[in-house]
């Protein structure tokens, strides 16, 4: 649609997840039309991310050192591990400021359709972390979709043999939501997860 490098830039932005053609075009033109936009800094960061960022050797979260900041923090509850699918999930839970334990990032979820089985995830590393008996509870915080449920079910069966408390994040109605707009699965889970007041 555009000449040369402008279209190439739009195409590259469009290859990013969640960025459609219109968003890619807006980003490209923002960079072009904003004289104060620091292109050199963006270029430097994109270049540095490949060399400086790695995955934590303990939990699999993103880190700039061998161990992430959470694993290095002595104030975290060592007896509690929250298992998540991706590093983005760690950030989402940390924003709540409700969880003070450690994390374990699986690197995905079991999905036979996509060819992802238990051996493709960081389940063996989780079992190694649990072997010394320090951890007393594992919270399964996988996504409430088919793959996340399959992963949680697999881990639950595996972990219950280890004398560790296994819990699952509650799911159900969002705060401020209306019952009439809730789908059957969400409403059903809300009933299953109800609690006495």
N, C-alpha and C. Protein backbone atom coordinates (compact mmCIF):
# COMPACT_ATOMS: atom_id res chain seq x y z
N UNK A 1 0.82 -1.19 0.00
CA UNK A 1 0.00 0.00 0.00
C UNK A 1 0.87 1.26 0.00
N UNK A 2 1.96 1.23 0.76
CA UNK A 2 2.88 2.36 0.82
C UNK A 2 4.18 1.97 0.16
N UNK A 3 4.99 2.96 -0.13
CA UNK A 3 6.26 2.69 -0.79
C UNK A 3 7.32 2.16 0.18
N UNK A 4 8.03 1.17 -0.29
CA UNK A 4 9.24 0.66 0.33
C UNK A 4 9.25 0.46 1.81
N UNK A 5 10.11 1.21 2.48
CA UNK A 5 10.43 1.00 3.90
C UNK A 5 9.23 1.24 4.82
N UNK A 6 8.35 2.15 4.44
CA UNK A 6 7.16 2.41 5.26
C UNK A 6 6.30 1.15 5.32
N UNK A 7 6.06 0.53 4.17
CA UNK A 7 5.28 -0.70 4.13
C UNK A 7 6.00 -1.84 4.85
N UNK A 8 7.31 -1.89 4.72
CA UNK A 8 8.08 -2.92 5.42
C UNK A 8 7.92 -2.78 6.92
N UNK A 9 7.96 -1.54 7.42
CA UNK A 9 7.78 -1.29 8.85
C UNK A 9 6.38 -1.70 9.30
N UNK A 10 5.37 -1.33 8.53
CA UNK A 10 3.99 -1.71 8.85
C UNK A 10 3.87 -3.23 8.88
N UNK A 11 4.46 -3.89 7.89
CA UNK A 11 4.40 -5.35 7.83
C UNK A 11 5.07 -6.00 9.04
N UNK A 12 6.20 -5.44 9.46
CA UNK A 12 6.91 -6.00 10.63
C UNK A 12 6.09 -5.82 11.90
N UNK A 13 5.50 -4.65 12.10
CA UNK A 13 4.65 -4.44 13.28
C UNK A 13 3.45 -5.38 13.21
N UNK A 14 2.92 -5.60 12.03
CA UNK A 14 1.77 -6.48 11.85
C UNK A 14 2.05 -7.94 12.17
N UNK A 15 3.30 -8.33 12.19
CA UNK A 15 3.66 -9.71 12.53
C UNK A 15 3.64 -9.96 14.04
N UNK A 16 3.58 -8.88 14.82
CA UNK A 16 3.54 -9.03 16.28
C UNK A 16 2.16 -9.51 16.71
N UNK A 17 2.09 -10.34 17.77
CA UNK A 17 0.79 -10.83 18.23
C UNK A 17 -0.09 -9.69 18.74
N UNK A 18 -1.35 -9.71 18.37
CA UNK A 18 -2.29 -8.70 18.82
C UNK A 18 -2.26 -7.41 18.03
N UNK A 19 -1.38 -7.30 17.06
CA UNK A 19 -1.28 -6.10 16.23
C UNK A 19 -1.82 -6.42 14.84
N UNK A 20 -2.97 -5.85 14.53
CA UNK A 20 -3.55 -6.04 13.21
C UNK A 20 -3.01 -5.00 12.24
N UNK A 21 -3.46 -5.03 10.99
CA UNK A 21 -2.97 -4.10 9.97
C UNK A 21 -3.19 -2.62 10.34
N UNK A 22 -4.35 -2.30 10.89
CA UNK A 22 -4.64 -0.90 11.25
C UNK A 22 -3.74 -0.42 12.38
N UNK A 23 -3.58 -1.26 13.41
CA UNK A 23 -2.70 -0.90 14.53
C UNK A 23 -1.26 -0.75 14.07
N UNK A 24 -0.83 -1.67 13.21
CA UNK A 24 0.54 -1.60 12.69
C UNK A 24 0.76 -0.30 11.93
N UNK A 25 -0.23 0.10 11.15
CA UNK A 25 -0.14 1.35 10.39
C UNK A 25 -0.09 2.55 11.34
N UNK A 26 -0.93 2.54 12.38
CA UNK A 26 -0.94 3.65 13.35
C UNK A 26 0.41 3.78 14.05
N UNK A 27 1.00 2.65 14.46
CA UNK A 27 2.29 2.68 15.15
C UNK A 27 3.37 3.22 14.21
N UNK A 28 3.39 2.73 13.00
CA UNK A 28 4.40 3.18 12.03
C UNK A 28 4.29 4.68 11.78
N UNK A 29 3.06 5.17 11.60
CA UNK A 29 2.90 6.60 11.34
C UNK A 29 3.14 7.45 12.58
N UNK A 30 2.90 6.88 13.75
CA UNK A 30 3.24 7.61 14.98
C UNK A 30 4.75 7.84 15.03
N UNK A 31 5.51 6.80 14.72
CA UNK A 31 6.98 6.92 14.72
C UNK A 31 7.43 7.94 13.67
N UNK A 32 6.81 7.89 12.50
CA UNK A 32 7.17 8.81 11.41
C UNK A 32 6.84 10.27 11.73
N UNK A 33 5.68 10.49 12.34
CA UNK A 33 5.17 11.84 12.51
C UNK A 33 5.51 12.49 13.84
N UNK A 34 6.13 11.75 14.76
CA UNK A 34 6.47 12.30 16.06
C UNK A 34 7.96 12.56 16.11
N UNK A 35 8.37 13.81 15.96
CA UNK A 35 9.81 14.12 15.92
C UNK A 35 10.54 13.77 17.22
N UNK A 36 9.82 13.77 18.34
CA UNK A 36 10.49 13.50 19.62
C UNK A 36 10.59 12.00 19.92
N UNK A 37 10.00 11.16 19.07
CA UNK A 37 10.06 9.72 19.30
C UNK A 37 11.50 9.25 19.17
N UNK A 38 12.00 8.56 20.20
CA UNK A 38 13.39 8.13 20.25
C UNK A 38 13.56 6.77 19.55
N UNK A 39 13.74 6.80 18.26
CA UNK A 39 13.89 5.59 17.45
C UNK A 39 15.17 4.85 17.83
N UNK A 40 16.22 5.59 18.12
CA UNK A 40 17.48 4.96 18.49
C UNK A 40 17.32 4.15 19.78
N UNK A 41 16.61 4.69 20.74
CA UNK A 41 16.38 3.99 22.02
C UNK A 41 15.56 2.72 21.80
N UNK A 42 14.51 2.81 20.98
CA UNK A 42 13.70 1.64 20.67
C UNK A 42 14.54 0.57 19.99
N UNK A 43 15.34 0.97 19.04
CA UNK A 43 16.21 0.05 18.33
C UNK A 43 17.20 -0.63 19.29
N UNK A 44 17.76 0.16 20.19
CA UNK A 44 18.71 -0.36 21.18
C UNK A 44 18.05 -1.38 22.10
N UNK A 45 16.84 -1.07 22.57
CA UNK A 45 16.12 -1.99 23.45
C UNK A 45 15.78 -3.30 22.74
N UNK A 46 15.33 -3.19 21.50
CA UNK A 46 14.99 -4.39 20.74
C UNK A 46 16.22 -5.27 20.52
N UNK A 47 17.34 -4.62 20.33
CA UNK A 47 18.58 -5.35 20.14
C UNK A 47 19.05 -5.99 21.45
N UNK A 48 18.97 -5.23 22.54
CA UNK A 48 19.44 -5.70 23.84
C UNK A 48 18.59 -6.82 24.44
N UNK A 49 17.31 -6.84 24.12
CA UNK A 49 16.43 -7.82 24.76
C UNK A 49 16.86 -9.25 24.45
N UNK A 50 17.40 -9.47 23.27
CA UNK A 50 17.86 -10.81 22.89
C UNK A 50 19.12 -11.23 23.65
N UNK A 51 19.97 -10.28 23.97
CA UNK A 51 21.23 -10.63 24.61
C UNK A 51 21.17 -10.55 26.14
N UNK A 52 20.34 -9.66 26.68
CA UNK A 52 20.31 -9.45 28.13
C UNK A 52 19.25 -10.23 28.88
N UNK A 53 18.15 -10.55 28.22
CA UNK A 53 17.04 -11.20 28.92
C UNK A 53 17.10 -12.70 28.70
N UNK A 54 16.89 -13.43 29.77
CA UNK A 54 16.87 -14.90 29.74
C UNK A 54 15.73 -15.37 30.61
N UNK A 55 15.62 -16.64 30.80
CA UNK A 55 14.61 -17.20 31.68
C UNK A 55 15.28 -17.68 32.96
N UNK A 56 14.66 -17.38 34.09
CA UNK A 56 15.18 -17.74 35.41
C UNK A 56 15.45 -19.24 35.46
N UNK A 57 16.62 -19.60 35.97
CA UNK A 57 17.00 -21.01 36.05
C UNK A 57 16.16 -21.78 37.07
N UNK A 58 15.52 -21.07 37.99
CA UNK A 58 14.71 -21.72 39.02
C UNK A 58 13.26 -21.84 38.58
N UNK A 59 12.63 -20.71 38.24
CA UNK A 59 11.18 -20.72 38.01
C UNK A 59 10.76 -20.57 36.55
N UNK A 60 11.64 -20.08 35.68
CA UNK A 60 11.29 -19.89 34.28
C UNK A 60 10.74 -18.52 33.95
N UNK A 61 10.69 -17.61 34.93
CA UNK A 61 10.24 -16.24 34.69
C UNK A 61 11.33 -15.49 33.92
N UNK A 62 10.98 -14.37 33.30
CA UNK A 62 12.00 -13.58 32.61
C UNK A 62 12.92 -12.92 33.63
N UNK A 63 14.19 -12.83 33.28
CA UNK A 63 15.19 -12.28 34.19
C UNK A 63 16.38 -11.76 33.40
N UNK A 64 17.12 -10.85 34.02
CA UNK A 64 18.37 -10.39 33.42
C UNK A 64 19.57 -11.04 34.09
N UNK A 65 19.32 -11.80 35.15
CA UNK A 65 20.37 -12.56 35.82
C UNK A 65 19.99 -14.04 35.78
N UNK A 66 20.81 -14.88 36.38
CA UNK A 66 20.51 -16.32 36.39
C UNK A 66 19.18 -16.61 37.08
N UNK A 67 18.92 -15.84 38.16
CA UNK A 67 17.67 -15.99 38.91
C UNK A 67 16.89 -14.69 38.84
N UNK A 68 15.57 -14.78 38.75
CA UNK A 68 14.74 -13.58 38.68
C UNK A 68 14.67 -12.89 40.04
N UNK A 69 14.15 -11.68 40.06
CA UNK A 69 14.05 -10.89 41.29
C UNK A 69 13.18 -11.58 42.33
N UNK A 70 12.14 -12.27 41.91
CA UNK A 70 11.24 -12.94 42.85
C UNK A 70 11.96 -14.11 43.52
N UNK A 71 12.67 -14.91 42.76
CA UNK A 71 13.41 -16.05 43.34
C UNK A 71 14.55 -15.59 44.24
N UNK A 72 15.10 -14.41 43.99
CA UNK A 72 16.19 -13.87 44.81
C UNK A 72 15.69 -13.20 46.09
N UNK A 73 14.40 -12.91 46.18
CA UNK A 73 13.83 -12.16 47.30
C UNK A 73 13.64 -13.07 48.52
N UNK A 74 14.42 -12.87 49.60
CA UNK A 74 14.31 -13.74 50.78
C UNK A 74 13.00 -13.56 51.55
N UNK A 75 12.26 -12.48 51.26
CA UNK A 75 11.00 -12.23 51.95
C UNK A 75 9.84 -13.06 51.40
N UNK A 76 10.05 -13.70 50.24
CA UNK A 76 8.98 -14.50 49.64
C UNK A 76 8.78 -15.81 50.43
N UNK A 77 7.54 -16.27 50.48
CA UNK A 77 7.19 -17.50 51.18
C UNK A 77 7.68 -18.70 50.37
N UNK A 78 8.71 -19.38 50.85
CA UNK A 78 9.33 -20.49 50.13
C UNK A 78 8.46 -21.75 50.13
N UNK A 79 7.44 -21.79 50.98
CA UNK A 79 6.59 -22.98 51.11
C UNK A 79 5.40 -22.95 50.15
N UNK A 80 5.31 -21.91 49.33
CA UNK A 80 4.15 -21.71 48.47
C UNK A 80 4.60 -21.44 47.04
N UNK A 81 4.15 -22.26 46.10
CA UNK A 81 4.49 -22.06 44.68
C UNK A 81 3.20 -21.93 43.88
N UNK A 82 3.15 -20.89 43.07
CA UNK A 82 2.03 -20.67 42.16
C UNK A 82 2.49 -21.06 40.76
N UNK A 83 1.81 -22.04 40.17
CA UNK A 83 2.17 -22.54 38.85
C UNK A 83 1.35 -21.81 37.79
N UNK A 84 2.05 -21.18 36.84
CA UNK A 84 1.39 -20.43 35.77
C UNK A 84 1.88 -20.93 34.41
N UNK A 85 1.16 -20.56 33.37
CA UNK A 85 1.54 -20.99 32.03
C UNK A 85 2.70 -20.17 31.47
N UNK A 86 2.62 -18.84 31.59
CA UNK A 86 3.59 -17.94 30.96
C UNK A 86 4.08 -16.88 31.93
N UNK A 87 5.21 -16.27 31.60
CA UNK A 87 5.78 -15.20 32.42
C UNK A 87 4.82 -14.01 32.52
N UNK A 88 3.99 -13.80 31.50
CA UNK A 88 3.01 -12.71 31.56
C UNK A 88 2.02 -12.93 32.70
N UNK A 89 1.76 -14.19 33.03
CA UNK A 89 0.84 -14.51 34.13
C UNK A 89 1.44 -14.12 35.47
N UNK A 90 2.76 -14.24 35.60
CA UNK A 90 3.44 -13.82 36.83
C UNK A 90 3.20 -12.32 37.04
N UNK A 91 3.38 -11.54 35.99
CA UNK A 91 3.17 -10.09 36.09
C UNK A 91 1.74 -9.76 36.48
N UNK A 92 0.77 -10.48 35.92
CA UNK A 92 -0.63 -10.23 36.24
C UNK A 92 -0.92 -10.51 37.71
N UNK A 93 -0.39 -11.60 38.23
CA UNK A 93 -0.62 -11.94 39.64
C UNK A 93 0.12 -10.97 40.56
N UNK A 94 1.33 -10.59 40.19
CA UNK A 94 2.10 -9.65 41.00
C UNK A 94 1.38 -8.30 41.11
N UNK A 95 0.68 -7.89 40.07
CA UNK A 95 -0.06 -6.61 40.12
C UNK A 95 -1.14 -6.61 41.20
N UNK A 96 -1.64 -7.79 41.59
CA UNK A 96 -2.67 -7.86 42.63
C UNK A 96 -2.10 -7.58 44.02
N UNK A 97 -0.81 -7.79 44.19
CA UNK A 97 -0.14 -7.64 45.49
C UNK A 97 -0.74 -8.55 46.57
N UNK A 98 -1.36 -9.66 46.16
CA UNK A 98 -2.00 -10.59 47.08
C UNK A 98 -1.15 -11.83 47.35
N UNK A 99 -0.24 -12.16 46.45
CA UNK A 99 0.52 -13.39 46.55
C UNK A 99 1.96 -13.08 46.92
N UNK A 100 2.48 -13.75 47.96
CA UNK A 100 3.85 -13.50 48.42
C UNK A 100 4.73 -14.74 48.36
N UNK A 101 4.30 -15.74 47.62
CA UNK A 101 5.10 -16.96 47.47
C UNK A 101 5.99 -16.89 46.24
N UNK A 102 6.39 -18.05 45.76
CA UNK A 102 7.23 -18.16 44.57
C UNK A 102 6.37 -18.62 43.39
N UNK A 103 6.96 -18.63 42.21
CA UNK A 103 6.25 -19.02 41.00
C UNK A 103 6.98 -20.16 40.31
N UNK A 104 6.23 -20.82 39.42
CA UNK A 104 6.84 -21.76 38.48
C UNK A 104 6.14 -21.57 37.15
N UNK A 105 6.89 -21.19 36.13
CA UNK A 105 6.35 -20.95 34.80
C UNK A 105 6.52 -22.21 33.97
N UNK A 106 5.41 -22.76 33.50
CA UNK A 106 5.44 -24.01 32.73
C UNK A 106 5.94 -23.81 31.31
N UNK A 107 5.72 -22.63 30.76
CA UNK A 107 6.09 -22.39 29.37
C UNK A 107 5.02 -22.82 28.39
N UNK A 108 3.77 -22.84 28.85
CA UNK A 108 2.65 -23.21 27.99
C UNK A 108 1.68 -24.09 28.73
N UNK A 109 0.81 -24.77 27.97
CA UNK A 109 -0.19 -25.66 28.53
C UNK A 109 -0.31 -26.89 27.64
N UNK A 110 -0.78 -27.97 28.23
CA UNK A 110 -0.98 -29.21 27.46
C UNK A 110 -2.03 -28.96 26.38
N UNK A 111 -1.67 -29.25 25.14
CA UNK A 111 -2.58 -29.05 24.02
C UNK A 111 -2.29 -30.10 22.95
N UNK A 112 -3.01 -31.23 22.99
CA UNK A 112 -2.77 -32.27 21.99
C UNK A 112 -2.96 -31.77 20.55
N UNK A 113 -3.88 -30.84 20.35
CA UNK A 113 -4.13 -30.31 19.01
C UNK A 113 -2.89 -29.58 18.48
N UNK A 114 -2.20 -28.85 19.37
CA UNK A 114 -0.99 -28.12 18.98
C UNK A 114 0.26 -29.00 19.11
N UNK A 115 0.07 -30.23 19.53
CA UNK A 115 1.22 -31.13 19.67
C UNK A 115 2.05 -30.87 20.92
N UNK A 116 1.44 -30.26 21.95
CA UNK A 116 2.17 -29.96 23.18
C UNK A 116 1.71 -30.93 24.27
N UNK A 117 2.64 -31.75 24.72
CA UNK A 117 2.35 -32.70 25.78
C UNK A 117 3.07 -32.32 27.06
N UNK A 118 2.88 -33.09 28.13
CA UNK A 118 3.53 -32.79 29.41
C UNK A 118 5.05 -32.69 29.32
N UNK A 119 5.66 -33.49 28.45
CA UNK A 119 7.12 -33.48 28.32
C UNK A 119 7.65 -32.20 27.68
N UNK A 120 6.76 -31.44 27.03
CA UNK A 120 7.16 -30.19 26.39
C UNK A 120 7.12 -29.00 27.36
N UNK A 121 6.59 -29.23 28.54
CA UNK A 121 6.47 -28.17 29.55
C UNK A 121 7.52 -28.37 30.63
N UNK A 122 7.64 -27.39 31.51
CA UNK A 122 8.65 -27.42 32.57
C UNK A 122 8.10 -28.15 33.81
N UNK A 123 7.49 -29.32 33.59
CA UNK A 123 6.91 -30.08 34.69
C UNK A 123 8.01 -30.82 35.46
N UNK A 124 8.99 -31.37 34.77
CA UNK A 124 10.10 -32.07 35.45
C UNK A 124 10.84 -31.11 36.38
N UNK A 125 11.03 -29.86 35.95
CA UNK A 125 11.70 -28.87 36.79
C UNK A 125 10.86 -28.55 38.04
N UNK A 126 9.54 -28.54 37.87
CA UNK A 126 8.65 -28.32 39.02
C UNK A 126 8.81 -29.46 40.02
N UNK A 127 8.82 -30.69 39.54
CA UNK A 127 8.97 -31.84 40.43
C UNK A 127 10.30 -31.80 41.18
N UNK A 128 11.34 -31.34 40.51
CA UNK A 128 12.65 -31.20 41.17
C UNK A 128 12.58 -30.18 42.30
N UNK A 129 11.86 -29.09 42.08
CA UNK A 129 11.73 -28.07 43.11
C UNK A 129 10.96 -28.58 44.32
N UNK A 130 10.04 -29.50 44.09
CA UNK A 130 9.19 -30.00 45.17
C UNK A 130 9.83 -31.14 45.95
N UNK A 131 10.88 -31.71 45.42
CA UNK A 131 11.49 -32.91 45.99
C UNK A 131 12.06 -32.74 47.40
N UNK A 132 12.54 -31.56 47.76
CA UNK A 132 13.20 -31.39 49.06
C UNK A 132 12.23 -31.22 50.23
N UNK A 133 10.92 -31.12 49.97
CA UNK A 133 9.93 -31.04 51.04
C UNK A 133 9.67 -29.65 51.60
N UNK A 134 10.33 -28.62 51.07
CA UNK A 134 10.13 -27.26 51.56
C UNK A 134 8.73 -26.75 51.19
N UNK A 135 8.28 -27.06 49.99
CA UNK A 135 6.99 -26.54 49.51
C UNK A 135 5.85 -27.33 50.13
N UNK A 136 4.89 -26.59 50.70
CA UNK A 136 3.73 -27.21 51.35
C UNK A 136 2.46 -27.08 50.53
N UNK A 137 2.41 -26.05 49.66
CA UNK A 137 1.22 -25.87 48.83
C UNK A 137 1.61 -25.42 47.43
N UNK A 138 0.92 -26.00 46.44
CA UNK A 138 1.06 -25.59 45.05
C UNK A 138 -0.29 -25.06 44.59
N UNK A 139 -0.28 -23.82 44.10
CA UNK A 139 -1.50 -23.21 43.57
C UNK A 139 -1.45 -23.30 42.06
N UNK A 140 -2.42 -23.96 41.47
CA UNK A 140 -2.48 -24.09 40.02
C UNK A 140 -3.24 -22.90 39.46
N UNK A 141 -2.52 -22.03 38.75
CA UNK A 141 -3.10 -20.80 38.21
C UNK A 141 -3.03 -20.80 36.68
N UNK A 142 -3.35 -21.96 36.09
CA UNK A 142 -3.39 -22.02 34.63
C UNK A 142 -4.67 -21.36 34.15
N UNK A 143 -4.71 -21.02 32.88
CA UNK A 143 -5.88 -20.32 32.33
C UNK A 143 -7.13 -21.20 32.40
N UNK A 144 -8.29 -20.58 32.60
CA UNK A 144 -9.54 -21.35 32.68
C UNK A 144 -10.10 -21.69 31.30
N UNK A 145 -9.27 -22.26 30.45
CA UNK A 145 -9.72 -22.72 29.13
C UNK A 145 -9.43 -24.22 29.04
N UNK A 146 -9.72 -24.82 27.91
CA UNK A 146 -9.56 -26.27 27.76
C UNK A 146 -8.14 -26.73 28.05
N UNK A 147 -7.15 -26.03 27.48
CA UNK A 147 -5.75 -26.41 27.68
C UNK A 147 -5.31 -26.21 29.13
N UNK A 148 -5.71 -25.07 29.70
CA UNK A 148 -5.35 -24.78 31.09
C UNK A 148 -5.97 -25.77 32.06
N UNK A 149 -7.22 -26.14 31.81
CA UNK A 149 -7.89 -27.13 32.66
C UNK A 149 -7.23 -28.49 32.54
N UNK A 150 -6.86 -28.88 31.31
CA UNK A 150 -6.18 -30.17 31.10
C UNK A 150 -4.84 -30.18 31.84
N UNK A 151 -4.12 -29.07 31.78
CA UNK A 151 -2.83 -28.97 32.46
C UNK A 151 -3.00 -29.04 33.97
N UNK A 152 -3.98 -28.31 34.49
CA UNK A 152 -4.25 -28.32 35.94
C UNK A 152 -4.66 -29.71 36.41
N UNK A 153 -5.47 -30.39 35.62
CA UNK A 153 -5.92 -31.74 35.97
C UNK A 153 -4.74 -32.71 35.99
N UNK A 154 -3.89 -32.62 34.98
CA UNK A 154 -2.70 -33.47 34.91
C UNK A 154 -1.80 -33.23 36.12
N UNK A 155 -1.51 -31.97 36.41
CA UNK A 155 -0.64 -31.64 37.55
C UNK A 155 -1.26 -32.05 38.87
N UNK A 156 -2.55 -31.87 39.01
CA UNK A 156 -3.24 -32.21 40.24
C UNK A 156 -3.11 -33.70 40.53
N UNK A 157 -3.33 -34.54 39.52
CA UNK A 157 -3.19 -35.99 39.69
C UNK A 157 -1.76 -36.35 40.09
N UNK A 158 -0.82 -35.68 39.49
CA UNK A 158 0.60 -35.94 39.74
C UNK A 158 1.01 -35.49 41.16
N UNK A 159 0.53 -34.30 41.56
CA UNK A 159 0.97 -33.69 42.82
C UNK A 159 0.30 -34.27 44.06
N UNK A 160 -0.91 -34.79 43.93
CA UNK A 160 -1.61 -35.31 45.10
C UNK A 160 -0.90 -36.52 45.70
N UNK A 161 -0.04 -37.17 44.95
CA UNK A 161 0.72 -38.31 45.48
C UNK A 161 1.92 -37.86 46.30
N UNK A 162 2.20 -36.55 46.35
CA UNK A 162 3.41 -36.05 46.99
C UNK A 162 3.18 -35.44 48.38
N UNK A 163 2.01 -35.61 48.96
CA UNK A 163 1.72 -35.05 50.29
C UNK A 163 1.87 -33.53 50.32
N UNK A 164 1.46 -32.89 49.23
CA UNK A 164 1.48 -31.43 49.11
C UNK A 164 0.05 -30.97 48.88
N UNK A 165 -0.34 -29.89 49.53
CA UNK A 165 -1.67 -29.33 49.29
C UNK A 165 -1.69 -28.74 47.88
N UNK A 166 -2.70 -29.11 47.12
CA UNK A 166 -2.85 -28.60 45.75
C UNK A 166 -4.15 -27.82 45.69
N UNK A 167 -4.07 -26.55 45.27
CA UNK A 167 -5.28 -25.73 45.13
C UNK A 167 -5.34 -25.13 43.73
N UNK A 168 -6.51 -24.65 43.38
CA UNK A 168 -6.73 -24.07 42.05
C UNK A 168 -7.34 -22.70 42.26
N UNK A 169 -6.92 -21.73 41.46
CA UNK A 169 -7.53 -20.40 41.56
C UNK A 169 -9.02 -20.51 41.30
N UNK A 170 -9.80 -19.74 42.02
CA UNK A 170 -11.24 -19.72 41.82
C UNK A 170 -11.55 -19.05 40.48
N UNK A 171 -12.66 -19.44 39.89
CA UNK A 171 -13.10 -18.77 38.67
C UNK A 171 -14.60 -18.59 38.76
N UNK A 172 -15.09 -17.60 38.08
CA UNK A 172 -16.52 -17.33 38.13
C UNK A 172 -16.84 -15.94 37.65
N UNK A 173 -17.75 -15.29 38.33
CA UNK A 173 -18.24 -13.99 37.90
C UNK A 173 -17.24 -12.87 38.19
N UNK A 174 -17.05 -11.97 37.24
CA UNK A 174 -16.16 -10.83 37.50
C UNK A 174 -16.84 -9.81 38.41
N UNK A 175 -16.04 -9.09 39.16
CA UNK A 175 -16.58 -8.03 40.01
C UNK A 175 -17.21 -6.96 39.12
N UNK A 176 -18.41 -6.57 39.44
CA UNK A 176 -19.12 -5.55 38.65
C UNK A 176 -19.88 -6.12 37.47
N UNK A 177 -19.85 -7.46 37.30
CA UNK A 177 -20.54 -8.09 36.17
C UNK A 177 -22.01 -8.32 36.48
N UNK A 178 -22.80 -8.49 35.46
CA UNK A 178 -24.23 -8.79 35.60
C UNK A 178 -24.48 -10.25 35.29
N UNK A 179 -25.32 -10.90 36.10
CA UNK A 179 -25.63 -12.31 35.90
C UNK A 179 -26.21 -12.60 34.53
N UNK A 180 -27.02 -11.68 34.05
CA UNK A 180 -27.70 -11.94 32.77
C UNK A 180 -26.73 -12.05 31.59
N UNK A 181 -25.51 -11.48 31.74
CA UNK A 181 -24.53 -11.52 30.65
C UNK A 181 -23.51 -12.65 30.79
N UNK A 182 -23.57 -13.39 31.90
CA UNK A 182 -22.61 -14.47 32.14
C UNK A 182 -22.99 -15.70 31.32
N UNK A 183 -21.98 -16.37 30.75
CA UNK A 183 -22.26 -17.60 30.01
C UNK A 183 -22.46 -18.74 31.01
N UNK A 184 -22.96 -19.87 30.53
CA UNK A 184 -23.31 -21.00 31.40
C UNK A 184 -22.10 -21.57 32.14
N UNK A 185 -20.96 -21.67 31.45
CA UNK A 185 -19.76 -22.24 32.08
C UNK A 185 -19.28 -21.34 33.22
N UNK A 186 -19.23 -20.05 32.97
CA UNK A 186 -18.78 -19.10 34.01
C UNK A 186 -19.73 -19.12 35.20
N UNK A 187 -21.02 -19.12 34.93
CA UNK A 187 -22.01 -19.14 36.01
C UNK A 187 -21.94 -20.46 36.78
N UNK A 188 -21.72 -21.57 36.06
CA UNK A 188 -21.58 -22.86 36.71
C UNK A 188 -20.37 -22.90 37.63
N UNK A 189 -19.27 -22.34 37.18
CA UNK A 189 -18.05 -22.30 38.01
C UNK A 189 -18.26 -21.39 39.23
N UNK A 190 -19.02 -20.34 39.04
CA UNK A 190 -19.31 -19.45 40.17
C UNK A 190 -20.09 -20.21 41.24
N UNK A 191 -21.03 -21.05 40.83
CA UNK A 191 -21.77 -21.85 41.80
C UNK A 191 -20.88 -22.88 42.48
N UNK A 192 -20.01 -23.53 41.71
CA UNK A 192 -19.09 -24.52 42.28
C UNK A 192 -18.13 -23.88 43.28
N UNK A 193 -17.70 -22.66 43.02
CA UNK A 193 -16.73 -21.99 43.86
C UNK A 193 -17.34 -21.10 44.94
N UNK A 194 -18.65 -21.23 45.15
CA UNK A 194 -19.30 -20.36 46.15
C UNK A 194 -18.74 -20.63 47.53
N UNK A 195 -18.86 -19.65 48.44
CA UNK A 195 -18.37 -19.81 49.81
C UNK A 195 -19.38 -19.27 50.80
N UNK A 196 -19.31 -19.77 51.99
CA UNK A 196 -20.22 -19.36 53.04
C UNK A 196 -19.80 -17.99 53.56
N UNK A 197 -20.76 -17.11 53.81
CA UNK A 197 -20.45 -15.77 54.32
C UNK A 197 -20.67 -15.71 55.82
